[in-house]
Amino acid sequence: MATFTFSIYSQALHRSTEVSAIIPAEKPAFPGVPFDPDKPFRAIYLLHGYSGSHRDWLNGSVISQLAQQHRIAVFCPSGENSFYVDEPSRDANYATFICEELVDFTRRVFPLSRERKDTIIGGFSMGGYGAIRNGMKYNETFGSIIALSSALITDGIAMMPDEPGDPPAQGGGMGMSPSYFIHCFGKPSKIKGSDVDPKALASKLMEGDGPRPELYMACGAEDFLIESNRSLHQHLESVGYPHKYTEGPGTHSWEYWNLHITEGLKWLDELDK
């Protein structure tokens, strides 16, 4: 298994940015793990949380072991504090970078499957929002989404005034300023029904004929984001969007995310059977 960091120049960001990667290329040490050296890898693009970096998944989680067990290549881009949406006004087009440029680059450089079913996006907290939003927006690219403790804060932001002052705002408990949210998501009055609104994206997918990514959602019952995760789960049920939702004891922590990235990859393997 190779673990490394590479630098890529992004046209969407107009600068170089770093990506951490895991490529389980050697014969696995685990008994019962199928090994075909000529078979392309599935790929998962894992997104970090707010104030994190491309190193977080490698430093905090068990993803290195899981990559080998499940024979899946892992790519962890740096999303800064962008919520993984595009902000053209400051050349911070993170959705375009990850879902177009990075997917294309990694497919050209590494032995990856180009099939939609083998292309997965996932993340925790801010990265869980980014995985759901971009997995649904780029539904022709991603076959599955794994979203953990997702920062589904757009409903709360949509209730803010379009021209707020700058005292700290409790955006889903995350404590950023109103102007920060407007930079990321646009004017609050425009959020509902837009392509930064996960509920609207799910409804649109159910109304159309395009492919719908499989979705695994998990959030701890003691997590400060639990109510927004329950709200999206209820919306998905109301519009008939198939998904697996789980909650149970847990906080906003690596202990919970390790448990559910493990369960999420098992779920992903079951989809392949």
Protein backbone atom coordinates (compact mmCIF):
# COMPACT_ATOMS: atom_id res chain seq x y z
CA MET A 1 0.00 0.00 0.00
CA ALA A 2 1.37 3.39 -1.00
CA THR A 3 0.50 6.48 1.04
CA PHE A 4 1.69 9.84 -0.23
CA THR A 5 0.88 13.48 -0.94
CA PHE A 6 0.99 15.05 -4.38
CA SER A 7 0.62 18.59 -5.64
CA ILE A 8 -1.67 19.44 -8.54
CA TYR A 9 -2.19 22.73 -10.35
CA SER A 10 -5.90 23.51 -10.48
CA GLN A 11 -7.41 25.70 -13.16
CA ALA A 12 -10.51 26.02 -10.96
CA LEU A 13 -8.46 27.40 -8.05
CA HIS A 14 -5.75 29.09 -10.16
CA ARG A 15 -3.05 27.67 -7.91
CA SER A 16 -1.39 24.48 -6.80
CA THR A 17 -3.04 22.46 -4.07
CA GLU A 18 -2.15 19.27 -2.23
CA VAL A 19 -3.94 15.93 -2.14
CA SER A 20 -3.21 12.96 0.12
CA ALA A 21 -3.65 9.53 -1.45
CA ILE A 22 -3.70 5.84 -0.58
CA ILE A 23 -3.20 3.29 -3.35
CA PRO A 24 -3.45 -0.34 -2.12
CA ALA A 25 -1.47 -1.68 -5.06
CA GLU A 26 0.35 -4.65 -3.48
CA LYS A 27 -1.08 -8.05 -2.66
CA PRO A 28 -3.15 -7.67 0.53
CA ALA A 29 -2.03 -9.30 3.75
CA PHE A 30 -5.62 -9.94 4.78
CA PRO A 31 -6.95 -13.46 4.10
CA GLY A 32 -10.03 -13.58 1.94
CA VAL A 33 -9.46 -10.19 0.29
CA PRO A 34 -9.73 -10.69 -3.49
CA PHE A 35 -6.66 -9.60 -5.42
CA ASP A 36 -6.57 -9.03 -9.14
CA PRO A 37 -3.52 -6.94 -10.17
CA ASP A 38 -5.13 -6.08 -13.49
CA LYS A 39 -8.48 -4.90 -12.13
CA PRO A 40 -8.89 -1.11 -11.82
CA PHE A 41 -9.50 0.26 -8.34
CA ARG A 42 -12.68 1.80 -7.09
CA ALA A 43 -11.96 5.34 -5.87
CA ILE A 44 -13.31 7.32 -2.94
CA TYR A 45 -12.76 11.07 -2.63
CA LEU A 46 -12.84 11.85 1.10
CA LEU A 47 -13.46 15.41 2.28
CA HIS A 48 -12.27 16.86 5.60
CA GLY A 49 -14.13 19.07 8.05
CA TYR A 50 -14.04 22.80 8.79
CA SER A 51 -10.57 24.09 9.79
CA GLY A 52 -9.04 20.79 8.63
CA SER A 53 -6.70 19.74 5.86
CA HIS A 54 -6.03 17.01 3.33
CA ARG A 55 -4.06 15.14 6.03
CA ASP A 56 -6.96 14.72 8.45
CA TRP A 57 -8.28 11.40 7.17
CA LEU A 58 -4.81 9.86 7.13
CA ASN A 59 -3.86 11.23 10.55
CA GLY A 60 -7.12 10.70 12.41
CA SER A 61 -8.81 7.67 10.91
CA VAL A 62 -8.34 4.00 10.09
CA ILE A 63 -8.77 4.66 6.37
CA SER A 64 -5.29 3.29 5.50
CA GLN A 65 -6.22 -0.16 6.82
CA LEU A 66 -9.69 0.03 5.29
CA ALA A 67 -8.32 0.96 1.86
CA GLN A 68 -6.39 -2.29 1.73
CA GLN A 69 -9.18 -4.40 3.21
CA HIS A 70 -11.71 -3.07 0.71
CA ARG A 71 -9.31 -2.65 -2.25
CA ILE A 72 -10.23 0.98 -2.80
CA ALA A 73 -8.03 3.94 -3.73
CA VAL A 74 -8.47 6.97 -1.47
CA PHE A 75 -7.96 10.63 -2.39
CA CYS A 76 -8.19 13.40 0.21
CA PRO A 77 -8.13 16.91 -1.26
CA SER A 78 -7.74 20.14 0.66
CA GLY A 79 -11.00 22.06 0.73
CA GLU A 80 -9.85 24.89 3.00
CA ASN A 81 -13.04 26.21 4.71
CA SER A 82 -15.02 26.29 1.48
CA PHE A 83 -17.86 23.85 2.22
CA TYR A 84 -16.78 22.44 -1.16
CA VAL A 85 -18.87 24.82 -3.23
CA ASP A 86 -17.72 27.17 -5.99
CA GLU A 87 -16.92 30.81 -5.18
CA PRO A 88 -15.90 32.30 -8.55
CA SER A 89 -15.42 35.79 -7.07
CA ARG A 90 -12.28 34.63 -5.25
CA ASP A 91 -11.13 31.75 -7.46
CA ALA A 92 -12.24 29.22 -4.84
CA ASN A 93 -14.08 26.77 -7.08
CA TYR A 94 -13.68 23.69 -4.92
CA ALA A 95 -16.63 21.76 -6.34
CA THR A 96 -15.25 22.09 -9.86
CA PHE A 97 -11.74 21.22 -8.70
CA ILE A 98 -12.71 18.03 -6.85
CA CYS A 99 -15.60 16.73 -8.94
CA GLU A 100 -14.17 17.53 -12.37
CA GLU A 101 -10.43 18.21 -12.32
CA LEU A 102 -9.37 15.84 -9.56
CA VAL A 103 -11.54 12.95 -10.74
CA ASP A 104 -10.20 13.37 -14.28
CA PHE A 105 -6.58 13.72 -13.14
CA THR A 106 -6.63 10.68 -10.85
CA ARG A 107 -8.27 8.55 -13.53
CA ARG A 108 -5.50 9.46 -15.96
CA VAL A 109 -2.63 8.94 -13.52
CA PHE A 110 -3.76 5.94 -11.44
CA PRO A 111 -5.30 2.57 -12.39
CA LEU A 112 -8.86 3.58 -11.49
CA SER A 113 -12.17 2.37 -12.80
CA ARG A 114 -13.96 5.00 -14.85
CA GLU A 115 -17.36 3.54 -14.06
CA ARG A 116 -19.79 5.67 -12.10
CA LYS A 117 -20.59 2.86 -9.67
CA ASP A 118 -16.90 2.66 -8.73
CA THR A 119 -16.57 6.41 -8.06
CA ILE A 120 -17.54 7.48 -4.54
CA ILE A 121 -17.50 10.72 -2.58
CA GLY A 122 -17.51 10.93 1.21
CA GLY A 123 -16.68 13.15 4.13
CA PHE A 124 -17.34 14.21 7.70
CA SER A 125 -18.84 17.43 9.10
CA MET A 126 -18.23 20.16 6.48
CA GLY A 127 -17.01 17.35 4.24
CA GLY A 128 -20.23 15.42 4.82
CA TYR A 129 -22.17 18.40 3.49
CA GLY A 130 -19.75 18.61 0.57
CA ALA A 131 -20.16 14.91 -0.18
CA ILE A 132 -23.97 15.08 -0.21
CA ARG A 133 -24.17 18.33 -2.13
CA ASN A 134 -21.58 17.41 -4.74
CA GLY A 135 -22.53 13.76 -4.97
CA MET A 136 -26.06 14.83 -5.89
CA LYS A 137 -25.01 17.75 -8.09
CA TYR A 138 -22.48 15.59 -9.96
CA ASN A 139 -24.80 12.60 -10.07
CA GLU A 140 -23.40 11.50 -13.43
CA THR A 141 -19.94 11.16 -11.86
CA PHE A 142 -20.55 9.64 -8.43
CA GLY A 143 -22.37 6.39 -7.83
CA SER A 144 -22.35 6.53 -4.03
CA ILE A 145 -22.04 8.97 -1.13
CA ILE A 146 -20.86 8.31 2.44
CA ALA A 147 -21.75 11.27 4.67
CA LEU A 148 -20.82 11.34 8.36
CA SER A 149 -22.00 13.94 10.91
CA SER A 150 -22.77 16.22 7.99
CA ALA A 151 -22.85 19.99 8.51
CA LEU A 152 -26.25 20.42 6.85
CA ILE A 153 -26.55 24.04 7.88
CA THR A 154 -28.18 25.63 4.83
CA ASP A 155 -31.71 25.57 6.29
CA GLY A 156 -30.50 27.69 9.19
CA ILE A 157 -28.52 30.04 6.98
CA ALA A 158 -31.57 30.53 4.74
CA MET A 159 -33.34 32.21 7.69
CA MET A 160 -30.63 34.85 8.08
CA PRO A 161 -31.04 38.37 6.62
CA ASP A 162 -29.32 39.05 3.31
CA GLU A 163 -27.40 41.98 4.77
CA PRO A 164 -26.41 40.89 8.28
CA GLY A 165 -23.92 42.51 10.59
CA ASP A 166 -20.92 40.55 11.72
CA PRO A 167 -21.43 39.30 15.26
CA PRO A 168 -20.69 35.57 15.60
CA ALA A 169 -23.56 33.51 14.21
CA GLN A 170 -24.39 30.02 15.35
CA GLY A 171 -24.75 28.46 11.93
CA GLY A 172 -25.83 25.01 12.98
CA GLY A 173 -23.65 25.44 16.06
CA MET A 174 -20.49 26.07 14.02
CA GLY A 175 -19.95 29.66 15.16
CA MET A 176 -18.88 31.42 11.94
CA SER A 177 -19.88 34.97 11.01
CA PRO A 178 -22.87 35.73 8.74
CA SER A 179 -20.61 37.25 6.08
CA TYR A 180 -18.65 33.99 5.92
CA PHE A 181 -21.82 32.04 5.13
CA ILE A 182 -22.79 34.52 2.43
CA HIS A 183 -19.34 34.11 0.85
CA CYS A 184 -19.86 30.34 0.74
CA PHE A 185 -23.54 29.95 -0.10
CA GLY A 186 -24.72 33.28 -1.50
CA LYS A 187 -27.56 35.41 -0.19
CA PRO A 188 -29.66 33.54 2.37
CA SER A 189 -32.89 34.40 0.55
CA LYS A 190 -31.59 32.55 -2.53
CA ILE A 191 -30.50 29.30 -0.82
CA LYS A 192 -33.79 27.41 -0.72
CA GLY A 193 -34.26 25.56 -3.99
CA SER A 194 -30.71 26.34 -5.20
CA ASP A 195 -27.89 23.93 -5.96
CA VAL A 196 -26.37 24.45 -2.49
CA ASP A 197 -29.58 23.14 -0.89
CA PRO A 198 -29.31 19.34 -0.41
CA LYS A 199 -33.07 18.97 -0.02
CA ALA A 200 -33.69 20.71 -3.32
CA LEU A 201 -31.04 18.60 -5.06
CA ALA A 202 -32.60 15.39 -3.74
CA SER A 203 -36.07 16.47 -4.85
CA LYS A 204 -34.77 17.38 -8.30
CA LEU A 205 -33.14 13.97 -8.68
CA MET A 206 -36.39 12.24 -7.74
CA GLU A 207 -38.30 14.33 -10.29
CA GLY A 208 -35.86 13.68 -13.13
CA ASP A 209 -34.66 10.68 -15.10
CA GLY A 210 -30.97 10.93 -14.23
CA PRO A 211 -29.06 8.53 -11.99
CA ARG A 212 -29.39 8.89 -8.23
CA PRO A 213 -26.29 8.24 -6.13
CA GLU A 214 -26.63 5.65 -3.38
CA LEU A 215 -26.42 7.37 0.01
CA TYR A 216 -25.17 6.31 3.44
CA MET A 217 -25.77 8.87 6.22
CA ALA A 218 -24.70 8.55 9.86
CA CYS A 219 -24.74 10.99 12.75
CA GLY A 220 -24.25 10.54 16.49
CA ALA A 221 -27.24 11.17 18.74
CA GLU A 222 -25.14 13.50 20.91
CA ASP A 223 -23.73 15.41 17.92
CA PHE A 224 -24.68 19.10 17.72
CA LEU A 225 -25.60 18.47 14.06
CA ILE A 226 -28.06 15.66 14.73
CA GLU A 227 -31.25 17.67 14.14
CA SER A 228 -30.18 18.87 10.70
CA ASN A 229 -29.24 15.30 9.74
CA ARG A 230 -32.62 14.05 10.93
CA SER A 231 -34.28 16.80 8.92
CA LEU A 232 -32.58 15.76 5.68
CA HIS A 233 -33.33 12.09 6.42
CA GLN A 234 -37.02 12.96 6.86
CA HIS A 235 -37.02 14.95 3.64
CA LEU A 236 -35.41 12.08 1.73
CA GLU A 237 -38.09 9.75 3.05
CA SER A 238 -40.83 12.20 2.08
CA VAL A 239 -39.65 12.41 -1.54
CA GLY A 240 -38.82 8.71 -1.77
CA TYR A 241 -35.06 9.03 -2.16
CA PRO A 242 -33.55 5.61 -1.29
CA HIS A 243 -30.84 5.87 1.36
CA LYS A 244 -29.43 4.25 4.47
CA TYR A 245 -29.63 6.43 7.57
CA THR A 246 -28.22 5.48 10.94
CA GLU A 247 -27.84 7.26 14.25
CA GLY A 248 -26.85 6.08 17.68
CA PRO A 249 -24.62 6.96 20.61
CA GLY A 250 -21.82 9.25 19.47
CA THR A 251 -20.42 12.76 19.31
CA HIS A 252 -18.64 14.85 16.69
CA SER A 253 -15.47 12.78 16.97
CA TRP A 254 -13.04 10.45 15.25
CA GLU A 255 -14.34 7.61 17.39
CA TYR A 256 -17.71 7.94 15.66
CA TRP A 257 -16.31 8.62 12.19
CA ASN A 258 -13.98 5.62 12.36
CA LEU A 259 -16.89 3.38 13.27
CA HIS A 260 -19.03 4.64 10.41
CA ILE A 261 -16.43 4.90 7.66
CA THR A 262 -15.88 1.22 8.47
CA GLU A 263 -19.61 0.52 8.25
CA GLY A 264 -19.96 2.75 5.20
CA LEU A 265 -17.34 0.79 3.25
CA LYS A 266 -19.03 -2.48 4.23
CA TRP A 267 -22.27 -1.01 2.92
CA LEU A 268 -20.47 -0.04 -0.28
CA ASP A 269 -19.22 -3.61 -0.75
CA GLU A 270 -22.77 -4.91 -0.32
CA LEU A 271 -23.89 -2.67 -3.18
CA ASP A 272 -21.40 -4.42 -5.44
CA LYS A 273 -22.81 -7.89 -4.79
